[in-house]
Amino acid sequence: MNEELDKTSQNAMSIIMLAGDAREECKLAYDAIATQDMTEAQRRLSLADGKIAKAHQIQTDAIQATIRGEKQDYNLLFAHAQDTLMTIYSEIIVAHQLVKVFASLDARVKKLEERDG
């Protein structure tokens, strides 16, 4: 077995690791949303955004290399990395929406409490 990974496999592993780190931050954001700590949720999502952006840049660089005519061998690991990247990116989008929804609900409840208070 080759002990050194080729460039495509190295990129794939970088994407998977960064996306996994982004998923962990996203999970922590969901936990913060559940406890109504929107400041912490937004902080965690900001960290997730940074990690997923780095992973996405690696993918974009690979795509641009292909467009430039650089040979890219098919690699199942890279296909898995792309799948992981897009799945976690979707999770982050949902978490951002949940922050908006819960912030809006909180504002509405506060208005009702002030009116009835």
N, C-alpha and C. Protein backbone atom coordinates (compact mmCIF):
# COMPACT_ATOMS: atom_id res chain seq x y z
N MET A 1 0.83 -1.19 0.00
CA MET A 1 0.00 0.00 0.00
C MET A 1 0.87 1.25 0.00
N ASN A 2 0.50 2.22 -0.83
CA ASN A 2 1.25 3.46 -0.94
C ASN A 2 1.08 4.27 0.33
N GLU A 3 2.18 4.60 0.98
CA GLU A 3 2.10 5.33 2.25
C GLU A 3 1.81 6.81 2.06
N GLU A 4 2.10 7.34 0.88
CA GLU A 4 1.83 8.74 0.60
C GLU A 4 0.55 8.85 -0.23
N LEU A 5 -0.33 9.70 0.20
CA LEU A 5 -1.55 9.92 -0.56
C LEU A 5 -1.27 10.83 -1.74
N ASP A 6 -1.93 10.57 -2.87
CA ASP A 6 -1.79 11.48 -4.01
C ASP A 6 -2.49 12.80 -3.69
N LYS A 7 -2.28 13.80 -4.52
CA LYS A 7 -2.82 15.14 -4.27
C LYS A 7 -4.35 15.12 -4.13
N THR A 8 -5.02 14.36 -4.97
CA THR A 8 -6.47 14.30 -4.91
C THR A 8 -6.93 13.72 -3.57
N SER A 9 -6.27 12.68 -3.13
CA SER A 9 -6.63 12.07 -1.84
C SER A 9 -6.31 13.00 -0.68
N GLN A 10 -5.19 13.70 -0.78
CA GLN A 10 -4.84 14.67 0.26
C GLN A 10 -5.91 15.76 0.35
N ASN A 11 -6.31 16.27 -0.81
CA ASN A 11 -7.37 17.28 -0.83
C ASN A 11 -8.66 16.74 -0.25
N ALA A 12 -8.98 15.51 -0.62
CA ALA A 12 -10.21 14.88 -0.11
C ALA A 12 -10.17 14.79 1.42
N MET A 13 -9.06 14.36 1.95
CA MET A 13 -8.96 14.25 3.41
C MET A 13 -9.05 15.61 4.08
N SER A 14 -8.48 16.63 3.47
CA SER A 14 -8.58 17.98 4.02
C SER A 14 -10.04 18.45 4.04
N ILE A 15 -10.75 18.20 2.94
CA ILE A 15 -12.16 18.57 2.88
C ILE A 15 -12.95 17.84 3.96
N ILE A 16 -12.72 16.54 4.08
CA ILE A 16 -13.46 15.74 5.07
C ILE A 16 -13.18 16.23 6.49
N MET A 17 -11.93 16.51 6.78
CA MET A 17 -11.58 16.98 8.14
C MET A 17 -12.19 18.35 8.42
N LEU A 18 -12.05 19.29 7.48
CA LEU A 18 -12.61 20.62 7.69
C LEU A 18 -14.13 20.57 7.79
N ALA A 19 -14.75 19.79 6.92
CA ALA A 19 -16.21 19.67 6.96
C ALA A 19 -16.66 19.01 8.27
N GLY A 20 -15.92 18.03 8.73
CA GLY A 20 -16.25 17.39 10.00
C GLY A 20 -16.15 18.37 11.16
N ASP A 21 -15.11 19.20 11.13
CA ASP A 21 -14.98 20.24 12.16
C ASP A 21 -16.14 21.23 12.08
N ALA A 22 -16.55 21.57 10.86
CA ALA A 22 -17.69 22.47 10.67
C ALA A 22 -18.96 21.83 11.20
N ARG A 23 -19.12 20.53 10.98
CA ARG A 23 -20.30 19.83 11.49
C ARG A 23 -20.34 19.89 13.01
N GLU A 24 -19.20 19.72 13.66
CA GLU A 24 -19.16 19.78 15.12
C GLU A 24 -19.57 21.16 15.61
N GLU A 25 -19.08 22.21 14.95
CA GLU A 25 -19.47 23.57 15.33
C GLU A 25 -20.97 23.77 15.11
N CYS A 26 -21.48 23.22 14.02
CA CYS A 26 -22.90 23.32 13.71
C CYS A 26 -23.72 22.61 14.79
N LYS A 27 -23.27 21.45 15.21
CA LYS A 27 -23.96 20.71 16.27
C LYS A 27 -23.99 21.53 17.56
N LEU A 28 -22.88 22.16 17.87
CA LEU A 28 -22.83 23.01 19.07
C LEU A 28 -23.75 24.23 18.91
N ALA A 29 -23.89 24.71 17.69
CA ALA A 29 -24.83 25.81 17.44
C ALA A 29 -26.26 25.34 17.67
N TYR A 30 -26.59 24.14 17.20
CA TYR A 30 -27.92 23.58 17.46
C TYR A 30 -28.17 23.46 18.96
N ASP A 31 -27.17 23.01 19.70
CA ASP A 31 -27.29 22.91 21.15
C ASP A 31 -27.56 24.28 21.77
N ALA A 32 -26.87 25.29 21.28
CA ALA A 32 -27.07 26.65 21.80
C ALA A 32 -28.47 27.16 21.44
N ILE A 33 -28.94 26.86 20.24
CA ILE A 33 -30.29 27.25 19.85
C ILE A 33 -31.30 26.62 20.81
N ALA A 34 -31.08 25.36 21.13
CA ALA A 34 -32.01 24.64 22.02
C ALA A 34 -32.09 25.27 23.40
N THR A 35 -31.04 25.92 23.83
CA THR A 35 -31.04 26.59 25.14
C THR A 35 -31.28 28.09 25.01
N GLN A 36 -31.66 28.52 23.83
CA GLN A 36 -31.98 29.92 23.51
C GLN A 36 -30.79 30.86 23.70
N ASP A 37 -29.60 30.35 23.47
CA ASP A 37 -28.39 31.17 23.54
C ASP A 37 -27.98 31.52 22.10
N MET A 38 -28.65 32.52 21.55
CA MET A 38 -28.43 32.87 20.14
C MET A 38 -27.05 33.47 19.90
N THR A 39 -26.49 34.12 20.90
CA THR A 39 -25.14 34.66 20.75
C THR A 39 -24.14 33.53 20.54
N GLU A 40 -24.25 32.50 21.35
CA GLU A 40 -23.36 31.34 21.21
C GLU A 40 -23.63 30.61 19.90
N ALA A 41 -24.89 30.49 19.54
CA ALA A 41 -25.23 29.82 18.27
C ALA A 41 -24.59 30.56 17.10
N GLN A 42 -24.70 31.87 17.11
CA GLN A 42 -24.10 32.65 16.02
C GLN A 42 -22.58 32.54 16.02
N ARG A 43 -21.99 32.50 17.19
CA ARG A 43 -20.52 32.35 17.27
C ARG A 43 -20.11 31.02 16.68
N ARG A 44 -20.81 29.96 17.06
CA ARG A 44 -20.50 28.62 16.56
C ARG A 44 -20.72 28.53 15.05
N LEU A 45 -21.77 29.17 14.57
CA LEU A 45 -22.03 29.15 13.14
C LEU A 45 -20.98 29.93 12.37
N SER A 46 -20.48 30.98 12.96
CA SER A 46 -19.39 31.73 12.33
C SER A 46 -18.15 30.84 12.18
N LEU A 47 -17.85 30.07 13.21
CA LEU A 47 -16.73 29.12 13.13
C LEU A 47 -16.99 28.05 12.08
N ALA A 48 -18.22 27.55 12.05
CA ALA A 48 -18.58 26.54 11.04
C ALA A 48 -18.45 27.12 9.64
N ASP A 49 -18.90 28.36 9.46
CA ASP A 49 -18.81 29.01 8.16
C ASP A 49 -17.36 29.10 7.69
N GLY A 50 -16.47 29.46 8.60
CA GLY A 50 -15.05 29.58 8.24
C GLY A 50 -14.46 28.25 7.80
N LYS A 51 -14.79 27.19 8.52
CA LYS A 51 -14.25 25.87 8.19
C LYS A 51 -14.83 25.34 6.88
N ILE A 52 -16.13 25.53 6.68
CA ILE A 52 -16.75 25.03 5.46
C ILE A 52 -16.26 25.83 4.25
N ALA A 53 -15.97 27.11 4.45
CA ALA A 53 -15.44 27.93 3.35
C ALA A 53 -14.06 27.43 2.92
N LYS A 54 -13.23 27.04 3.88
CA LYS A 54 -11.91 26.48 3.54
C LYS A 54 -12.05 25.18 2.78
N ALA A 55 -12.96 24.33 3.23
CA ALA A 55 -13.20 23.06 2.54
C ALA A 55 -13.71 23.31 1.13
N HIS A 56 -14.62 24.25 1.00
CA HIS A 56 -15.18 24.57 -0.31
C HIS A 56 -14.11 25.12 -1.25
N GLN A 57 -13.17 25.89 -0.71
CA GLN A 57 -12.10 26.44 -1.53
C GLN A 57 -11.22 25.34 -2.10
N ILE A 58 -10.95 24.31 -1.31
CA ILE A 58 -10.16 23.17 -1.80
C ILE A 58 -10.89 22.51 -2.96
N GLN A 59 -12.19 22.32 -2.81
CA GLN A 59 -12.98 21.73 -3.89
C GLN A 59 -12.96 22.63 -5.13
N THR A 60 -13.13 23.92 -4.93
CA THR A 60 -13.13 24.87 -6.05
C THR A 60 -11.79 24.86 -6.77
N ASP A 61 -10.71 24.81 -6.02
CA ASP A 61 -9.38 24.75 -6.64
C ASP A 61 -9.23 23.50 -7.51
N ALA A 62 -9.75 22.38 -7.05
CA ALA A 62 -9.68 21.14 -7.82
C ALA A 62 -10.51 21.25 -9.11
N ILE A 63 -11.68 21.84 -8.98
CA ILE A 63 -12.53 22.02 -10.16
C ILE A 63 -11.86 22.95 -11.16
N GLN A 64 -11.29 24.04 -10.68
CA GLN A 64 -10.61 24.98 -11.57
C GLN A 64 -9.39 24.33 -12.24
N ALA A 65 -8.70 23.46 -11.52
CA ALA A 65 -7.58 22.74 -12.11
C ALA A 65 -8.06 21.87 -13.27
N THR A 66 -9.20 21.23 -13.10
CA THR A 66 -9.79 20.42 -14.15
C THR A 66 -10.13 21.28 -15.36
N ILE A 67 -10.70 22.44 -15.10
CA ILE A 67 -11.06 23.36 -16.19
C ILE A 67 -9.81 23.81 -16.95
N ARG A 68 -8.70 23.99 -16.23
CA ARG A 68 -7.45 24.37 -16.88
C ARG A 68 -6.83 23.22 -17.67
N GLY A 69 -7.41 22.04 -17.57
CA GLY A 69 -6.91 20.89 -18.32
C GLY A 69 -5.95 20.00 -17.54
N GLU A 70 -5.80 20.27 -16.26
CA GLU A 70 -4.93 19.42 -15.45
C GLU A 70 -5.64 18.08 -15.22
N LYS A 71 -4.90 17.01 -15.38
CA LYS A 71 -5.49 15.68 -15.25
C LYS A 71 -5.90 15.43 -13.80
N GLN A 72 -7.14 15.01 -13.65
CA GLN A 72 -7.68 14.67 -12.33
C GLN A 72 -8.22 13.25 -12.44
N ASP A 73 -7.60 12.32 -11.78
CA ASP A 73 -8.12 10.96 -11.78
C ASP A 73 -9.34 10.87 -10.89
N TYR A 74 -10.30 10.02 -11.31
CA TYR A 74 -11.47 9.80 -10.45
C TYR A 74 -10.99 9.18 -9.15
N ASN A 75 -11.56 9.65 -8.06
CA ASN A 75 -11.14 9.18 -6.76
C ASN A 75 -12.39 9.09 -5.88
N LEU A 76 -12.71 7.89 -5.44
CA LEU A 76 -13.90 7.68 -4.61
C LEU A 76 -13.82 8.50 -3.32
N LEU A 77 -12.63 8.66 -2.78
CA LEU A 77 -12.46 9.44 -1.56
C LEU A 77 -12.85 10.90 -1.80
N PHE A 78 -12.48 11.44 -2.97
CA PHE A 78 -12.83 12.81 -3.29
C PHE A 78 -14.34 12.95 -3.50
N ALA A 79 -14.95 11.97 -4.12
CA ALA A 79 -16.41 11.98 -4.29
C ALA A 79 -17.10 11.99 -2.91
N HIS A 80 -16.59 11.18 -1.99
CA HIS A 80 -17.12 11.16 -0.63
C HIS A 80 -16.92 12.52 0.05
N ALA A 81 -15.76 13.13 -0.18
CA ALA A 81 -15.49 14.43 0.43
C ALA A 81 -16.47 15.48 -0.08
N GLN A 82 -16.76 15.45 -1.37
CA GLN A 82 -17.72 16.41 -1.93
C GLN A 82 -19.12 16.19 -1.34
N ASP A 83 -19.50 14.94 -1.20
CA ASP A 83 -20.79 14.61 -0.60
C ASP A 83 -20.85 15.11 0.84
N THR A 84 -19.79 14.88 1.58
CA THR A 84 -19.72 15.33 2.98
C THR A 84 -19.80 16.85 3.04
N LEU A 85 -19.04 17.51 2.19
CA LEU A 85 -19.03 18.97 2.16
C LEU A 85 -20.43 19.53 1.94
N MET A 86 -21.13 19.02 0.95
CA MET A 86 -22.45 19.57 0.62
C MET A 86 -23.49 19.23 1.69
N THR A 87 -23.39 18.06 2.28
CA THR A 87 -24.32 17.69 3.34
C THR A 87 -24.17 18.62 4.54
N ILE A 88 -22.95 18.85 4.94
CA ILE A 88 -22.70 19.69 6.11
C ILE A 88 -23.02 21.15 5.80
N TYR A 89 -22.75 21.58 4.58
CA TYR A 89 -23.11 22.93 4.19
C TYR A 89 -24.62 23.13 4.33
N SER A 90 -25.39 22.12 3.94
CA SER A 90 -26.85 22.19 4.09
C SER A 90 -27.25 22.28 5.56
N GLU A 91 -26.57 21.52 6.41
CA GLU A 91 -26.86 21.58 7.84
C GLU A 91 -26.61 22.98 8.40
N ILE A 92 -25.55 23.61 7.94
CA ILE A 92 -25.22 24.96 8.39
C ILE A 92 -26.28 25.95 7.94
N ILE A 93 -26.75 25.80 6.70
CA ILE A 93 -27.81 26.68 6.20
C ILE A 93 -29.06 26.56 7.08
N VAL A 94 -29.43 25.34 7.43
CA VAL A 94 -30.60 25.12 8.28
C VAL A 94 -30.38 25.77 9.65
N ALA A 95 -29.20 25.61 10.20
CA ALA A 95 -28.92 26.20 11.52
C ALA A 95 -29.03 27.72 11.47
N HIS A 96 -28.53 28.34 10.41
CA HIS A 96 -28.66 29.80 10.27
C HIS A 96 -30.14 30.20 10.23
N GLN A 97 -30.95 29.43 9.54
CA GLN A 97 -32.38 29.72 9.46
C GLN A 97 -33.05 29.56 10.83
N LEU A 98 -32.64 28.53 11.56
CA LEU A 98 -33.21 28.32 12.89
C LEU A 98 -32.90 29.48 13.83
N VAL A 99 -31.70 30.02 13.73
CA VAL A 99 -31.36 31.19 14.55
C VAL A 99 -32.31 32.33 14.23
N LYS A 100 -32.57 32.56 12.94
CA LYS A 100 -33.49 33.63 12.54
C LYS A 100 -34.91 33.37 13.06
N VAL A 101 -35.37 32.14 12.91
CA VAL A 101 -36.72 31.79 13.34
C VAL A 101 -36.87 31.98 14.85
N PHE A 102 -35.93 31.45 15.60
CA PHE A 102 -36.05 31.55 17.06
C PHE A 102 -35.85 32.98 17.55
N ALA A 103 -35.00 33.75 16.90
CA ALA A 103 -34.85 35.16 17.27
C ALA A 103 -36.14 35.91 17.01
N SER A 104 -36.79 35.62 15.89
CA SER A 104 -38.06 36.25 15.56
C SER A 104 -39.15 35.87 16.57
N LEU A 105 -39.21 34.60 16.90
CA LEU A 105 -40.19 34.15 17.90
C LEU A 105 -39.94 34.81 19.25
N ASP A 106 -38.69 34.91 19.63
CA ASP A 106 -38.35 35.53 20.90
C ASP A 106 -38.79 36.99 20.93
N ALA A 107 -38.57 37.69 19.82
CA ALA A 107 -38.98 39.09 19.74
C ALA A 107 -40.50 39.22 19.85
N ARG A 108 -41.22 38.32 19.21
CA ARG A 108 -42.69 38.35 19.27
C ARG A 108 -43.19 38.07 20.68
N VAL A 109 -42.59 37.11 21.35
CA VAL A 109 -42.99 36.79 22.72
C VAL A 109 -42.72 37.98 23.64
N LYS A 110 -41.58 38.62 23.48
CA LYS A 110 -41.25 39.78 24.32
C LYS A 110 -42.27 40.91 24.12
N LYS A 111 -42.68 41.13 22.86
CA LYS A 111 -43.70 42.16 22.60
C LYS A 111 -45.01 41.82 23.29
N LEU A 112 -45.40 40.57 23.23
CA LEU A 112 -46.63 40.13 23.88
C LEU A 112 -46.53 40.29 25.40
N GLU A 113 -45.39 39.94 25.95
CA GLU A 113 -45.20 40.08 27.39
C GLU A 113 -45.24 41.54 27.82
N GLU A 114 -44.64 42.43 27.01
CA GLU A 114 -44.65 43.85 27.32
C GLU A 114 -46.08 44.41 27.24
N ARG A 115 -46.81 43.95 26.25
CA ARG A 115 -48.19 44.42 26.07
C ARG A 115 -49.09 43.94 27.22
N ASP A 116 -48.90 42.69 27.62
CA ASP A 116 -49.73 42.10 28.67
C ASP A 116 -49.19 42.36 30.08
N GLY A 117 -47.94 42.81 30.14
CA GLY A 117 -47.28 42.95 31.41
C GLY A 117 -47.74 44.09 32.22
